[in-house]
C-alpha atoms as a PDB file:
ATOM      1  CA  MET A   1     105.513  83.441-153.154  1.00  0.00           C
ATOM      2  CA  ILE A   2     105.726  81.686-150.216  1.00  0.00           C
ATOM      3  CA  ARG A   3     108.901  81.017-148.823  1.00  0.00           C
ATOM      4  CA  VAL A   4     108.847  77.693-147.300  1.00  0.00           C
ATOM      5  CA  ALA A   5     111.547  75.236-145.413  1.00  0.00           C
ATOM      6  CA  VAL A   6     111.135  71.791-143.998  1.00  0.00           C
ATOM      7  CA  ALA A   7     111.991  69.808-140.766  1.00  0.00           C
ATOM      8  CA  GLY A   8     112.787  66.297-141.232  1.00  0.00           C
ATOM      9  CA  ALA A   9     113.366  66.900-145.204  1.00  0.00           C
ATOM     10  CA  ALA A  10     115.309  63.076-145.013  1.00  0.00           C
ATOM     11  CA  GLY A  11     112.299  61.248-143.969  1.00  0.00           C
ATOM     12  CA  ARG A  12     109.713  59.473-145.928  1.00  0.00           C
ATOM     13  CA  MET A  13     106.740  62.268-145.301  1.00  0.00           C
ATOM     14  CA  GLY A  14     109.566  65.467-145.376  1.00  0.00           C
ATOM     15  CA  HIS A  15     111.003  64.072-148.855  1.00  0.00           C
ATOM     16  CA  THR A  16     107.292  63.961-150.472  1.00  0.00           C
ATOM     17  CA  VAL A  17     106.784  67.287-148.852  1.00  0.00           C
ATOM     18  CA  CYS A  18     109.552  68.976-150.761  1.00  0.00           C
ATOM     19  CA  ALA A  19     108.567  67.607-153.840  1.00  0.00           C
ATOM     20  CA  ALA A  20     105.113  68.662-153.555  1.00  0.00           C
ATOM     21  CA  VAL A  21     106.406  72.463-152.501  1.00  0.00           C
ATOM     22  CA  GLU A  22     108.377  72.504-155.581  1.00  0.00           C
ATOM     23  CA  GLY A  23     105.624  71.635-157.459  1.00  0.00           C
ATOM     24  CA  ALA A  24     103.596  74.215-155.982  1.00  0.00           C
ATOM     25  CA  GLN A  25     103.545  77.313-158.597  1.00  0.00           C
ATOM     26  CA  ASP A  26     103.272  80.109-155.204  1.00  0.00           C
ATOM     27  CA  MET A  27     105.715  78.037-153.076  1.00  0.00           C
ATOM     28  CA  GLN A  28     109.341  78.047-153.350  1.00  0.00           C
ATOM     29  CA  LEU A  29     111.567  76.092-151.151  1.00  0.00           C
ATOM     30  CA  VAL A  30     113.850  77.334-149.725  1.00  0.00           C
ATOM     31  CA  GLY A  31     115.505  74.912-147.050  1.00  0.00           C
ATOM     32  CA  ARG A  32     115.400  71.560-145.634  1.00  0.00           C
ATOM     33  CA  ALA A  33     116.562  70.529-142.300  1.00  0.00           C
ATOM     34  CA  ASP A  34     117.369  67.554-140.959  1.00  0.00           C
ATOM     35  CA  PRO A  35     120.111  66.032-139.182  1.00  0.00           C
ATOM     36  CA  LEU A  36     120.856  63.161-141.228  1.00  0.00           C
ATOM     37  CA  LEU A  37     121.581  66.662-144.031  1.00  0.00           C
ATOM     38  CA  ALA A  38     123.806  68.428-140.767  1.00  0.00           C
ATOM     39  CA  ILE A  39     121.041  71.165-141.372  1.00  0.00           C
ATOM     40  CA  GLU A  40     119.567  72.833-138.513  1.00  0.00           C
ATOM     41  CA  LEU A  41     116.230  74.769-138.466  1.00  0.00           C
ATOM     42  CA  GLY A  42     117.563  77.413-136.801  1.00  0.00           C
ATOM     43  CA  GLU A  43     120.471  78.225-140.335  1.00  0.00           C
ATOM     44  CA  LEU A  44     116.747  78.451-142.198  1.00  0.00           C
ATOM     45  CA  LEU A  45     114.321  80.456-140.335  1.00  0.00           C
ATOM     46  CA  GLY A  46     115.887  83.968-141.568  1.00  0.00           C
ATOM     47  CA  ASP A  47     114.895  83.010-145.265  1.00  0.00           C
ATOM     48  CA  ALA A  48     111.124  81.150-144.534  1.00  0.00           C
ATOM     49  CA  ASP A  49     107.923  82.373-143.814  1.00  0.00           C
ATOM     50  CA  VAL A  50     106.701  78.978-143.338  1.00  0.00           C
ATOM     51  CA  VAL A  51     107.770  76.015-141.798  1.00  0.00           C
ATOM     52  CA  VAL A  52     106.540  72.669-142.314  1.00  0.00           C
ATOM     53  CA  ASP A  53     107.444  69.749-139.563  1.00  0.00           C
ATOM     54  CA  PHE A  54     107.206  66.299-140.049  1.00  0.00           C
ATOM     55  CA  THR A  55     110.112  65.255-137.480  1.00  0.00           C
ATOM     56  CA  GLN A  56     109.979  63.046-133.770  1.00  0.00           C
ATOM     57  CA  PRO A  57     107.752  63.826-131.071  1.00  0.00           C
ATOM     58  CA  ASP A  58     110.692  64.588-128.823  1.00  0.00           C
ATOM     59  CA  THR A  59     112.137  67.531-131.767  1.00  0.00           C
ATOM     60  CA  ALA A  60     108.716  68.810-133.141  1.00  0.00           C
ATOM     61  CA  LEU A  61     107.716  70.766-129.905  1.00  0.00           C
ATOM     62  CA  ALA A  62     111.464  72.643-129.965  1.00  0.00           C
ATOM     63  CA  ASN A  63     111.109  73.364-133.448  1.00  0.00           C
ATOM     64  CA  ALA A  64     107.858  75.128-133.270  1.00  0.00           C
ATOM     65  CA  LEU A  65     108.800  77.080-130.376  1.00  0.00           C
ATOM     66  CA  SER A  66     112.012  78.173-132.607  1.00  0.00           C
ATOM     67  CA  CYS A  67     109.932  79.316-135.159  1.00  0.00           C
ATOM     68  CA  LEU A  68     107.422  81.059-132.832  1.00  0.00           C
ATOM     69  CA  ALA A  69     110.141  82.900-131.777  1.00  0.00           C
ATOM     70  CA  ALA A  70     111.992  83.786-134.561  1.00  0.00           C
ATOM     71  CA  GLY A  71     108.098  85.156-136.208  1.00  0.00           C
ATOM     72  CA  VAL A  72     107.737  82.255-138.366  1.00  0.00           C
ATOM     73  CA  HIS A  73     104.692  80.348-139.257  1.00  0.00           C
ATOM     74  CA  VAL A  74     104.503  77.079-138.547  1.00  0.00           C
ATOM     75  CA  VAL A  75     102.897  73.590-140.028  1.00  0.00           C
ATOM     76  CA  VAL A  76     103.213  70.463-137.701  1.00  0.00           C
ATOM     77  CA  GLY A  77     102.192  67.197-139.169  1.00  0.00           C
ATOM     78  CA  THR A  78     104.076  65.629-135.843  1.00  0.00           C
ATOM     79  CA  THR A  79     102.155  64.419-132.887  1.00  0.00           C
ATOM     80  CA  GLY A  80     103.157  63.114-129.474  1.00  0.00           C
ATOM     81  CA  PHE A  81     104.045  66.268-128.005  1.00  0.00           C
ATOM     82  CA  ASP A  82     103.307  68.538-125.463  1.00  0.00           C
ATOM     83  CA  LEU A  83     100.191  70.204-127.512  1.00  0.00           C
ATOM     84  CA  GLN A  84      99.859  72.493-123.952  1.00  0.00           C
ATOM     85  CA  ALA A  85     103.590  74.098-124.297  1.00  0.00           C
ATOM     86  CA  LEU A  86     102.550  75.065-127.862  1.00  0.00           C
ATOM     87  CA  ARG A  87      99.808  76.762-127.170  1.00  0.00           C
ATOM     88  CA  ASP A  88     100.944  78.562-124.077  1.00  0.00           C
ATOM     89  CA  ALA A  89     104.157  79.900-126.284  1.00  0.00           C
ATOM     90  CA  ALA A  90     101.858  80.714-129.268  1.00  0.00           C
ATOM     91  CA  GLU A  91      99.091  82.841-127.151  1.00  0.00           C
ATOM     92  CA  ALA A  92     102.174  84.552-124.621  1.00  0.00           C
ATOM     93  CA  GLN A  93     104.133  86.214-127.938  1.00  0.00           C
ATOM     94  CA  GLN A  94     104.738  89.822-128.077  1.00  0.00           C
ATOM     95  CA  GLY A  95     105.487  92.096-131.574  1.00  0.00           C
ATOM     96  CA  THR A  96     105.183  90.453-134.745  1.00  0.00           C
ATOM     97  CA  ARG A  97     103.019  87.137-134.130  1.00  0.00           C
ATOM     98  CA  ALA A  98     103.293  83.954-136.005  1.00  0.00           C
ATOM     99  CA  ASN A  99     100.678  81.405-136.123  1.00  0.00           C
ATOM    100  CA  ALA A 100     101.187  77.318-135.673  1.00  0.00           C
ATOM    101  CA  LEU A 101      98.514  74.672-137.303  1.00  0.00           C
ATOM    102  CA  VAL A 102      99.101  71.455-135.883  1.00  0.00           C
ATOM    103  CA  ALA A 103      97.120  68.660-138.032  1.00  0.00           C
ATOM    104  CA  PRO A 104      96.873  64.750-136.962  1.00  0.00           C
ATOM    105  CA  ASN A 105      96.490  63.872-140.255  1.00  0.00           C
ATOM    106  CA  PHE A 106      96.553  66.105-143.456  1.00  0.00           C
ATOM    107  CA  ALA A 107      94.690  63.667-145.568  1.00  0.00           C
ATOM    108  CA  ILE A 108      90.895  64.882-146.918  1.00  0.00           C
ATOM    109  CA  GLY A 109      89.771  61.862-146.781  1.00  0.00           C
ATOM    110  CA  ALA A 110      90.457  61.466-143.197  1.00  0.00           C
ATOM    111  CA  VAL A 111      89.251  64.593-141.812  1.00  0.00           C
ATOM    112  CA  LEU A 112      86.066  63.507-143.725  1.00  0.00           C
ATOM    113  CA  MET A 113      86.236  60.125-141.604  1.00  0.00           C
ATOM    114  CA  MET A 114      86.646  62.100-138.848  1.00  0.00           C
ATOM    115  CA  ARG A 115      83.904  64.438-139.128  1.00  0.00           C
ATOM    116  CA  PHE A 116      81.311  61.748-140.434  1.00  0.00           C
ATOM    117  CA  ALA A 117      82.232  59.114-137.201  1.00  0.00           C
ATOM    118  CA  VAL A 118      81.764  63.081-134.598  1.00  0.00           C
ATOM    119  CA  GLU A 119      78.099  63.292-136.438  1.00  0.00           C
ATOM    120  CA  ALA A 120      77.501  59.022-136.406  1.00  0.00           C
ATOM    121  CA  SER A 121      78.451  59.262-132.430  1.00  0.00           C
ATOM    122  CA  ARG A 122      75.569  61.652-131.932  1.00  0.00           C
ATOM    123  CA  HIS A 123      73.291  58.667-132.453  1.00  0.00           C
ATOM    124  CA  MET A 124      74.835  55.229-132.004  1.00  0.00           C
ATOM    125  CA  GLU A 125      75.253  53.990-128.355  1.00  0.00           C
ATOM    126  CA  LYS A 126      78.707  53.077-128.541  1.00  0.00           C
ATOM    127  CA  ALA A 127      81.835  53.010-130.734  1.00  0.00           C
ATOM    128  CA  GLU A 128      85.509  51.740-130.859  1.00  0.00           C
ATOM    129  CA  ILE A 129      88.358  53.102-132.883  1.00  0.00           C
ATOM    130  CA  ILE A 130      90.991  50.715-134.622  1.00  0.00           C
ATOM    131  CA  GLU A 131      94.458  52.409-136.030  1.00  0.00           C
ATOM    132  CA  LEU A 132      97.064  50.598-138.324  1.00  0.00           C
ATOM    133  CA  HIS A 133     100.217  52.111-138.814  1.00  0.00           C
ATOM    134  CA  HIS A 134     103.417  51.191-140.481  1.00  0.00           C
ATOM    135  CA  ASP A 135     105.694  49.404-137.554  1.00  0.00           C
ATOM    136  CA  ARG A 136     107.774  52.269-137.973  1.00  0.00           C
ATOM    137  CA  LYS A 137     105.582  54.582-136.393  1.00  0.00           C
ATOM    138  CA  LEU A 138     106.218  55.971-132.510  1.00  0.00           C
ATOM    139  CA  ASP A 139     103.421  57.542-131.423  1.00  0.00           C
ATOM    140  CA  ALA A 140     100.456  55.099-129.966  1.00  0.00           C
ATOM    141  CA  PRO A 141      97.578  55.723-130.057  1.00  0.00           C
ATOM    142  CA  SER A 142      97.738  57.824-133.169  1.00  0.00           C
ATOM    143  CA  GLY A 143      97.438  61.297-133.440  1.00  0.00           C
ATOM    144  CA  THR A 144      94.325  60.975-135.825  1.00  0.00           C
ATOM    145  CA  ALA A 145      92.701  58.344-133.245  1.00  0.00           C
ATOM    146  CA  ALA A 146      93.164  60.547-130.041  1.00  0.00           C
ATOM    147  CA  ARG A 147      91.432  63.323-131.987  1.00  0.00           C
ATOM    148  CA  THR A 148      88.814  61.050-133.560  1.00  0.00           C
ATOM    149  CA  ALA A 149      88.259  59.978-129.719  1.00  0.00           C
ATOM    150  CA  GLU A 150      88.311  64.016-128.348  1.00  0.00           C
ATOM    151  CA  LEU A 151      85.717  64.891-131.124  1.00  0.00           C
ATOM    152  CA  MET A 152      83.203  62.085-130.905  1.00  0.00           C
ATOM    153  CA  ALA A 153      83.234  62.237-126.728  1.00  0.00           C
ATOM    154  CA  ALA A 154      82.718  66.374-127.441  1.00  0.00           C
ATOM    155  CA  ALA A 155      79.736  65.431-129.808  1.00  0.00           C
ATOM    156  CA  SER A 156      78.068  62.740-127.868  1.00  0.00           C
ATOM    157  CA  GLY A 157      78.753  63.905-124.287  1.00  0.00           C
ATOM    158  CA  GLY A 158      80.394  60.840-123.351  1.00  0.00           C
ATOM    159  CA  GLU A 159      83.588  59.045-122.796  1.00  0.00           C
ATOM    160  CA  PRO A 160      86.218  58.985-125.173  1.00  0.00           C
ATOM    161  CA  PRO A 161      85.915  55.757-127.276  1.00  0.00           C
ATOM    162  CA  PRO A 162      88.362  52.937-126.934  1.00  0.00           C
ATOM    163  CA  ILE A 163      91.188  53.041-129.180  1.00  0.00           C
ATOM    164  CA  HIS A 164      92.790  49.471-130.966  1.00  0.00           C
ATOM    165  CA  SER A 165      96.468  50.589-132.024  1.00  0.00           C
ATOM    166  CA  ILE A 166      98.225  47.824-134.438  1.00  0.00           C
ATOM    167  CA  ARG A 167     101.681  48.255-136.054  1.00  0.00           C
ATOM    168  CA  LEU A 168     102.842  46.337-139.066  1.00  0.00           C
ATOM    169  CA  PRO A 169     104.809  46.166-141.969  1.00  0.00           C
ATOM    170  CA  GLY A 170     103.450  47.233-145.158  1.00  0.00           C
ATOM    171  CA  LEU A 171     100.575  49.292-143.485  1.00  0.00           C
ATOM    172  CA  VAL A 172     100.963  53.324-144.077  1.00  0.00           C
ATOM    173  CA  ALA A 173      98.185  55.138-142.306  1.00  0.00           C
ATOM    174  CA  HIS A 174      94.262  53.448-141.893  1.00  0.00           C
ATOM    175  CA  GLN A 175      91.441  53.819-139.403  1.00  0.00           C
ATOM    176  CA  GLU A 176      88.384  52.126-138.810  1.00  0.00           C
ATOM    177  CA  VAL A 177      85.757  53.964-136.701  1.00  0.00           C
ATOM    178  CA  LEU A 178      83.131  50.988-135.355  1.00  0.00           C
ATOM    179  CA  LEU A 179      79.664  52.299-134.443  1.00  0.00           C
ATOM    180  CA  GLY A 180      76.953  49.907-132.637  1.00  0.00           C
ATOM    181  CA  ASP A 181      73.450  50.294-131.915  1.00  0.00           C
ATOM    182  CA  VAL A 182      70.621  47.797-131.240  1.00  0.00           C
ATOM    183  CA  GLY A 183      70.266  45.574-133.922  1.00  0.00           C
ATOM    184  CA  GLN A 184      72.877  47.306-135.926  1.00  0.00           C
ATOM    185  CA  THR A 185      76.685  48.423-136.950  1.00  0.00           C
ATOM    186  CA  LEU A 186      78.540  51.095-138.847  1.00  0.00           C
ATOM    187  CA  SER A 187      81.689  51.122-139.987  1.00  0.00           C
ATOM    188  CA  ILE A 188      83.864  54.550-141.433  1.00  0.00           C
ATOM    189  CA  ARG A 189      87.147  53.989-142.601  1.00  0.00           C
ATOM    190  CA  HIS A 190      90.019  55.648-144.410  1.00  0.00           C
ATOM    191  CA  ASP A 191      92.491  53.867-145.843  1.00  0.00           C
ATOM    192  CA  THR A 192      95.444  55.601-146.972  1.00  0.00           C
ATOM    193  CA  ILE A 193      97.490  54.570-150.075  1.00  0.00           C
ATOM    194  CA  SER A 194     100.252  56.720-150.680  1.00  0.00           C
ATOM    195  CA  ARG A 195     101.964  59.743-148.665  1.00  0.00           C
ATOM    196  CA  GLU A 196     101.248  61.789-151.418  1.00  0.00           C
ATOM    197  CA  SER A 197      97.365  61.778-150.181  1.00  0.00           C
ATOM    198  CA  PHE A 198      98.649  64.138-147.175  1.00  0.00           C
ATOM    199  CA  MET A 199     100.019  67.226-149.641  1.00  0.00           C
ATOM    200  CA  PRO A 200      96.622  68.860-150.883  1.00  0.00           C
ATOM    201  CA  GLY A 201      96.433  69.305-147.140  1.00  0.00           C
ATOM    202  CA  VAL A 202      99.600  70.051-146.529  1.00  0.00           C
ATOM    203  CA  LEU A 203      99.854  72.541-149.064  1.00  0.00           C
ATOM    204  CA  LEU A 204      96.656  74.255-148.163  1.00  0.00           C
ATOM    205  CA  ALA A 205      98.194  74.673-144.727  1.00  0.00           C
ATOM    206  CA  VAL A 206     100.804  76.615-145.804  1.00  0.00           C
ATOM    207  CA  ARG A 207      98.687  78.449-148.089  1.00  0.00           C
ATOM    208  CA  ARG A 208      96.135  79.365-144.904  1.00  0.00           C
ATOM    209  CA  VAL A 209      98.372  79.165-141.571  1.00  0.00           C
ATOM    210  CA  ALA A 210      99.091  83.324-142.139  1.00  0.00           C
ATOM    211  CA  THR A 211      95.581  84.481-141.709  1.00  0.00           C
ATOM    212  CA  LEU A 212      94.307  81.936-138.895  1.00  0.00           C
ATOM    213  CA  PRO A 213      92.149  83.529-136.196  1.00  0.00           C
ATOM    214  CA  GLN A 214      94.162  82.034-133.455  1.00  0.00           C
ATOM    215  CA  PRO A 215      97.753  81.703-133.274  1.00  0.00           C
ATOM    216  CA  LEU A 216      97.357  77.929-132.557  1.00  0.00           C
ATOM    217  CA  VAL A 217      94.500  75.898-134.652  1.00  0.00           C
ATOM    218  CA  VAL A 218      94.607  71.878-134.024  1.00  0.00           C
ATOM    219  CA  GLY A 219      93.212  70.043-137.305  1.00  0.00           C
ATOM    220  CA  LEU A 220      92.572  70.516-140.513  1.00  0.00           C
ATOM    221  CA  GLU A 221      88.989  70.447-140.204  1.00  0.00           C
ATOM    222  CA  SER A 222      88.976  74.357-139.165  1.00  0.00           C
ATOM    223  CA  LEU A 223      90.281  74.921-142.726  1.00  0.00           C
ATOM    224  CA  LEU A 224      87.747  72.562-144.350  1.00  0.00           C
ATOM    225  CA  PHE A 225      84.822  73.375-142.422  1.00  0.00           C
ATOM    226  CA  PRO A 226      85.258  76.905-141.370  1.00  0.00           C
END
C-alpha cells in the first residue's frame, strides 16, 4: 500500500487527486495539506511515502525540497518554479534517497500530442504553439507548451517555436501545435475537458516514482516511452 499525501488539497486539482487516490486499491490517502485547511505539509511527511503537489509556483519548490530532505518521494504537477534548484537538491542527497517526478501535464493524450509534435517538427519547416487555459492559471506560457517547444527544438535542431498564450474563463487546458511547410499545414491538438483526465497519469507517477532511474525526472513521457 502506497501512503500518499496531497499538497494543495483544497484546490480543484488537489481535490480531484485526493478522490483518485482514495479510489485506488493500492493507495492510502494519509493527509491533505493546504493553507485553507490550516495543515502544513511538514505535518504529514512522517506518514507519507509519496507527496503529490498541485500548489503554486512560489510554494512548489519549497514543498519538493522538504519532501526530498525527509526522504519522501514527490510527484509535482506545478510548473513555473526553478527546476534547476530542485535538480541540484535531488542530486546532492545523502543517505536515503528520495525521487522527484515533475510533469507539466499528466493527461496521456497531452503527452501523446507532445510526442507527435516532436516527430512532426523533424519534417516540417516551421511551427507555432497556441495554448489556452482558464483565467486563474498563473503562469504563461504553460509548462506543457514550454516543454513541447523545448522538445521540438531539440528534435529539429532549430529554435523553439513561438508560443501564444490565451487565458479565458470557461477553458480548462488546451494546446494546438500548428506546423507549416510548402503547400501544406498540419495541426495537432489536445483538449482537456475535465480534470479527471489527469488522474491516470498522476496515479501512474505515484506508482513509479520510487523506481525512477534518476533522482529527478521531468515529463510523464519518461514513464510512457522508456
